[in-house]
Protein backbone atom coordinates (compact mmCIF):
# COMPACT_ATOMS: atom_id res chain seq x y z
CA MET A 1 111.73 142.54 18.75
CA ALA A 2 113.56 142.38 15.47
CA GLU A 3 113.64 139.02 13.77
CA LYS A 4 117.12 137.59 13.22
CA LYS A 5 117.55 136.59 9.61
CA GLN A 6 119.63 133.63 8.56
CA PHE A 7 121.27 133.25 5.19
CA VAL A 8 122.93 130.35 3.41
CA GLN A 9 126.31 131.02 1.85
CA ILE A 10 126.93 128.74 -1.14
CA VAL A 11 130.62 128.06 -1.78
CA ASP A 12 132.12 126.09 -4.68
CA LYS A 13 134.26 123.21 -3.36
CA LYS A 14 136.86 123.34 -6.15
CA SER A 15 137.57 127.07 -6.29
CA GLY A 16 136.54 128.05 -2.77
CA LYS A 17 134.70 131.09 -4.14
CA ILE A 18 131.36 132.26 -2.79
CA GLU A 19 128.76 131.81 -5.50
CA ARG A 20 125.88 133.52 -3.75
CA VAL A 21 124.17 134.17 -0.45
CA ALA A 22 120.48 133.25 -0.25
CA ASP A 23 117.79 133.58 2.40
CA LEU A 24 117.42 130.38 4.44
CA LYS A 25 113.61 130.49 4.26
CA ALA A 26 113.76 130.72 0.45
CA ILE A 27 115.98 127.64 0.25
CA GLU A 28 113.80 125.70 2.69
CA SER A 29 110.77 126.37 0.49
CA LEU A 30 112.43 124.82 -2.59
CA PRO A 31 111.38 121.33 -3.73
CA GLU A 32 113.71 118.46 -2.74
CA GLU A 33 115.07 118.00 -6.28
CA GLU A 34 116.17 121.63 -6.47
CA LYS A 35 117.79 121.41 -3.03
CA LEU A 36 119.83 118.40 -4.16
CA GLU A 37 120.84 120.15 -7.39
CA LEU A 38 121.87 123.21 -5.38
CA THR A 39 124.27 121.20 -3.18
CA LYS A 40 126.16 119.25 -5.86
CA GLY A 41 129.82 120.24 -5.67
CA LYS A 42 129.03 122.95 -3.13
CA MET A 43 129.47 123.61 0.57
CA LEU A 44 126.66 125.39 2.41
CA TYR A 45 127.21 127.61 5.45
CA ILE A 46 124.57 129.27 7.59
CA VAL A 47 125.48 132.92 8.20
CA THR A 48 123.67 135.70 10.03
CA HIS A 49 124.97 138.68 8.06
CA VAL A 50 125.52 139.43 4.40
CA ILE A 51 128.62 141.55 3.89
CA GLU A 52 128.89 143.42 0.63
CA PRO A 53 131.75 145.70 -0.36
CA ILE A 54 130.91 149.38 -0.35
CA LEU A 55 134.22 150.56 -1.74
CA LYS A 56 134.40 151.32 -5.44
CA VAL A 57 137.72 151.89 -7.15
CA GLU A 58 137.85 153.72 -10.45
CA MET A 59 140.96 153.93 -12.55
CA VAL A 60 141.44 157.20 -14.42
CA LYS A 61 143.91 157.64 -17.24
CA GLN A 62 146.26 160.54 -16.70
CA LYS A 63 148.95 161.78 -19.04
CA ILE A 64 152.45 161.72 -17.56
CA GLU A 65 154.11 165.03 -18.30
CA GLU A 66 157.35 164.67 -16.36
CA GLU A 67 159.75 161.82 -15.78
CA ILE A 68 159.15 159.64 -12.73
CA SER A 69 162.22 158.41 -10.87
CA TYR A 70 161.90 155.73 -8.17
CA LYS A 71 165.56 155.88 -7.15
CA GLN A 72 166.49 158.02 -4.18
């Protein structure tokens, strides 16, 4: 059977932004001092999936050759 992985999502308390997602086993293997430093000003959540965006948007410059009118 496949092993279910667990991850820890580290979120900054002030901004609410996700700083990173780390493997739970990697965090458990850290020394106690590093664990305490990791949690200062942060909220930790245990998650089972890491979701990463797969969409990439590229902006391309294009010369406008005719007038654009937004009025109907």
